[in-house]
N, C-alpha and C. Protein backbone atom coordinates (compact mmCIF):
# COMPACT_ATOMS: atom_id res chain seq x y z
N MET A 1 52.35 93.02 125.98
CA MET A 1 51.67 93.70 124.47
C MET A 1 51.57 94.44 124.18
N GLY A 2 51.54 96.04 125.24
CA GLY A 2 52.03 97.42 125.47
C GLY A 2 50.20 97.42 125.83
N ARG A 3 49.46 96.94 126.45
CA ARG A 3 48.32 97.12 126.59
C ARG A 3 47.75 97.20 127.99
N PRO A 4 48.51 97.76 128.74
CA PRO A 4 48.72 97.80 130.15
C PRO A 4 46.87 97.68 131.05
N ASP A 5 46.26 98.25 130.00
CA ASP A 5 45.03 99.39 131.18
C ASP A 5 43.79 98.01 130.86
N GLU A 6 43.68 97.34 129.59
CA GLU A 6 43.06 95.93 129.29
C GLU A 6 43.94 94.51 130.08
N ALA A 7 44.84 94.73 130.54
CA ALA A 7 45.21 93.05 130.80
C ALA A 7 45.33 93.46 132.59
N GLN A 8 45.69 95.00 133.01
CA GLN A 8 44.94 94.92 135.32
C GLN A 8 43.74 94.54 134.43
N GLN A 9 42.22 94.92 133.96
CA GLN A 9 41.48 94.19 133.86
C GLN A 9 41.12 93.51 133.98
N GLU A 10 41.58 92.68 133.29
CA GLU A 10 41.43 91.26 132.87
C GLU A 10 42.18 90.67 134.04
N LEU A 11 42.93 90.71 134.12
CA LEU A 11 43.60 90.46 135.77
C LEU A 11 42.86 90.04 137.00
N ARG A 12 42.15 91.64 136.95
CA ARG A 12 41.20 92.21 138.16
C ARG A 12 40.07 91.25 137.95
N LYS A 13 39.36 91.45 137.05
CA LYS A 13 38.59 90.11 136.21
C LYS A 13 38.62 88.36 137.27
N THR A 14 39.96 87.49 136.52
CA THR A 14 40.28 86.50 137.35
C THR A 14 40.52 86.82 138.80
N LEU A 15 41.28 87.93 139.18
CA LEU A 15 41.12 87.69 141.14
C LEU A 15 40.25 87.61 141.42
N GLU A 16 38.95 88.05 140.80
CA GLU A 16 37.40 88.25 141.10
C GLU A 16 36.92 86.88 141.10
N LEU A 17 37.35 86.47 140.37
CA LEU A 17 36.67 84.89 140.43
C LEU A 17 37.16 83.69 140.28
N ASP A 18 39.19 83.75 141.03
CA ASP A 18 39.57 83.16 141.35
C ASP A 18 40.92 83.47 142.45
N GLY A 19 40.30 84.48 143.46
CA GLY A 19 40.60 84.65 143.57
C GLY A 19 42.77 84.39 144.86
N THR A 20 42.35 82.69 144.61
CA THR A 20 43.59 81.39 144.40
C THR A 20 45.11 82.41 143.98
N ASN A 21 44.45 82.79 143.23
CA ASN A 21 45.72 82.67 141.72
C ASN A 21 46.70 83.74 141.95
N ALA A 22 47.56 83.47 142.61
CA ALA A 22 49.02 83.94 142.93
C ALA A 22 49.97 84.84 141.80
N GLN A 23 49.53 84.08 140.42
CA GLN A 23 50.75 84.73 139.34
C GLN A 23 49.81 85.53 138.90
N ALA A 24 47.93 85.78 138.95
CA ALA A 24 47.63 86.88 138.42
C ALA A 24 48.10 87.59 139.20
N ALA A 25 48.25 87.74 141.22
CA ALA A 25 48.09 89.04 141.75
C ALA A 25 49.78 89.51 141.69
N TYR A 26 50.58 88.24 141.71
CA TYR A 26 51.50 89.55 141.54
C TYR A 26 51.92 89.80 139.47
N ASN A 27 50.93 88.76 139.24
CA ASN A 27 51.87 90.00 137.35
C ASN A 27 50.15 91.75 137.53
N LEU A 28 49.74 91.56 138.60
CA LEU A 28 48.91 92.79 138.84
C LEU A 28 49.41 93.72 139.94
N ALA A 29 50.48 93.15 140.62
CA ALA A 29 50.55 94.13 141.66
C ALA A 29 51.93 95.13 140.01
N VAL A 30 52.92 93.75 139.35
CA VAL A 30 54.05 94.59 138.60
C VAL A 30 53.26 95.32 137.50
N ILE A 31 51.61 95.10 137.16
CA ILE A 31 50.73 96.62 136.31
C ILE A 31 51.38 98.12 137.31
N VAL A 32 50.19 97.50 138.38
CA VAL A 32 50.04 98.45 139.44
C VAL A 32 51.06 99.55 140.22
N GLY A 33 52.41 98.69 140.23
CA GLY A 33 53.16 98.84 141.20
C GLY A 33 53.41 100.60 141.36
N LYS A 34 54.19 100.88 139.84
CA LYS A 34 54.77 102.37 139.77
C LYS A 34 53.84 103.52 140.29
N GLU A 35 51.84 103.09 139.79
CA GLU A 35 51.36 104.46 140.73
C GLU A 35 51.11 103.82 141.62
N ASN A 36 50.51 103.02 142.05
CA ASN A 36 50.21 102.43 143.61
C ASN A 36 51.18 101.36 144.31
N PRO A 37 52.31 101.44 145.44
CA PRO A 37 53.22 100.71 145.20
C PRO A 37 52.57 99.97 146.65
N GLY A 38 51.13 100.85 146.99
CA GLY A 38 50.65 100.53 148.42
C GLY A 38 50.14 99.35 147.77
N GLU A 39 49.25 99.15 146.94
CA GLU A 39 48.11 97.84 145.62
C GLU A 39 49.23 97.03 146.62
N ALA A 40 50.70 97.45 145.36
CA ALA A 40 50.91 95.61 145.09
C ALA A 40 52.25 95.81 145.91
N LEU A 41 51.85 95.45 147.35
CA LEU A 41 52.24 95.51 148.37
C LEU A 41 50.73 94.05 148.63
N ALA A 42 50.12 95.40 148.82
CA ALA A 42 48.58 94.32 149.13
C ALA A 42 49.46 92.46 148.68
N LEU A 43 49.12 93.32 146.54
CA LEU A 43 49.07 92.20 145.90
C LEU A 43 50.38 91.27 145.69
N CYS A 44 51.57 92.12 146.09
CA CYS A 44 52.04 90.38 146.13
C CYS A 44 52.63 89.90 147.46
N ARG A 45 51.65 90.16 149.10
CA ARG A 45 52.00 89.69 150.10
C ARG A 45 51.06 88.88 149.57
N LYS A 46 49.72 88.40 149.01
CA LYS A 46 48.99 87.65 148.34
C LYS A 46 49.81 86.61 147.91
N ALA A 47 49.88 86.95 146.84
CA ALA A 47 50.79 86.11 146.27
C ALA A 47 51.87 85.09 146.71
N ALA A 48 52.58 85.24 147.35
CA ALA A 48 52.74 84.94 148.53
C ALA A 48 52.22 84.25 149.24
N GLU A 49 51.29 84.20 150.17
CA GLU A 49 51.16 83.80 151.18
C GLU A 49 50.43 82.39 150.15
N LEU A 50 49.44 82.85 148.96
CA LEU A 50 49.43 81.92 148.29
C LEU A 50 50.28 80.96 147.99
N SER A 51 51.81 81.48 147.35
CA SER A 51 52.50 80.59 146.65
C SER A 51 53.87 80.53 147.53
N PRO A 52 53.32 80.14 148.82
CA PRO A 52 54.58 80.79 149.48
C PRO A 52 56.14 79.43 149.57
N ASP A 53 56.14 78.87 148.35
CA ASP A 53 57.24 78.07 148.46
C ASP A 53 58.09 79.45 146.97
N ASN A 54 57.09 79.81 146.21
CA ASN A 54 57.86 80.83 145.40
C ASN A 54 58.39 82.55 145.94
N PRO A 55 59.99 82.29 145.58
CA PRO A 55 60.49 83.72 146.21
C PRO A 55 60.80 84.74 145.44
N LYS A 56 59.97 84.62 143.89
CA LYS A 56 59.87 86.19 143.20
C LYS A 56 58.54 86.43 144.05
N TYR A 57 57.38 86.73 144.60
CA TYR A 57 56.71 87.00 145.09
C TYR A 57 57.22 87.36 146.56
N ARG A 58 57.45 86.47 147.20
CA ARG A 58 58.55 87.29 148.79
C ARG A 58 59.00 88.60 148.05
N ASN A 59 59.99 87.85 146.83
CA ASN A 59 61.49 89.35 147.30
C ASN A 59 60.77 90.31 146.10
N ALA A 60 60.01 90.59 145.30
CA ALA A 60 58.73 91.45 145.32
C ALA A 60 57.40 92.18 146.53
N ALA A 61 57.52 91.75 147.48
CA ALA A 61 56.35 92.27 148.39
C ALA A 61 57.48 93.18 149.56
N THR A 62 58.42 92.98 148.89
CA THR A 62 59.71 93.45 150.10
C THR A 62 60.08 94.39 149.01
N TYR A 63 60.45 94.99 147.95
CA TYR A 63 60.92 95.90 146.86
C TYR A 63 59.17 96.98 146.94
N TYR A 64 58.24 96.68 147.28
CA TYR A 64 57.30 97.45 147.31
C TYR A 64 57.04 98.11 148.31
N GLN A 65 57.53 97.16 149.83
CA GLN A 65 57.42 97.54 151.26
C GLN A 65 57.86 98.35 151.03
N SER A 66 59.82 98.47 150.28
CA SER A 66 60.59 99.82 150.94
C SER A 66 59.35 100.61 150.01
N ARG A 67 59.26 100.77 148.70
CA ARG A 67 57.96 102.38 147.76
C ARG A 67 57.15 102.66 148.86
N SER A 68 57.00 101.55 148.97
CA SER A 68 55.47 102.22 149.73
C SER A 68 55.66 102.82 151.68
N VAL A 69 56.82 102.84 151.36
CA VAL A 69 57.20 103.51 153.03
C VAL A 69 57.89 105.04 152.83
N ARG A 70 57.81 105.22 151.38
CA ARG A 70 58.67 106.46 151.30
C ARG A 70 57.41 107.98 151.29
């Protein structure tokens, strides 16, 4: 919706209140990924652990792993 800062704040708040929300972790990873691939990797790994049957989270973790080693 064009308000990434606001979305980032809300997703961080969501994870603070419910650390088991895999979708929030993934969405936050997408928002912070360009500026902070290391944080995005950690968030995607968390999402993949919380929801191991969702390949999107594993694929995103692989992507951010490749971005964070540069």
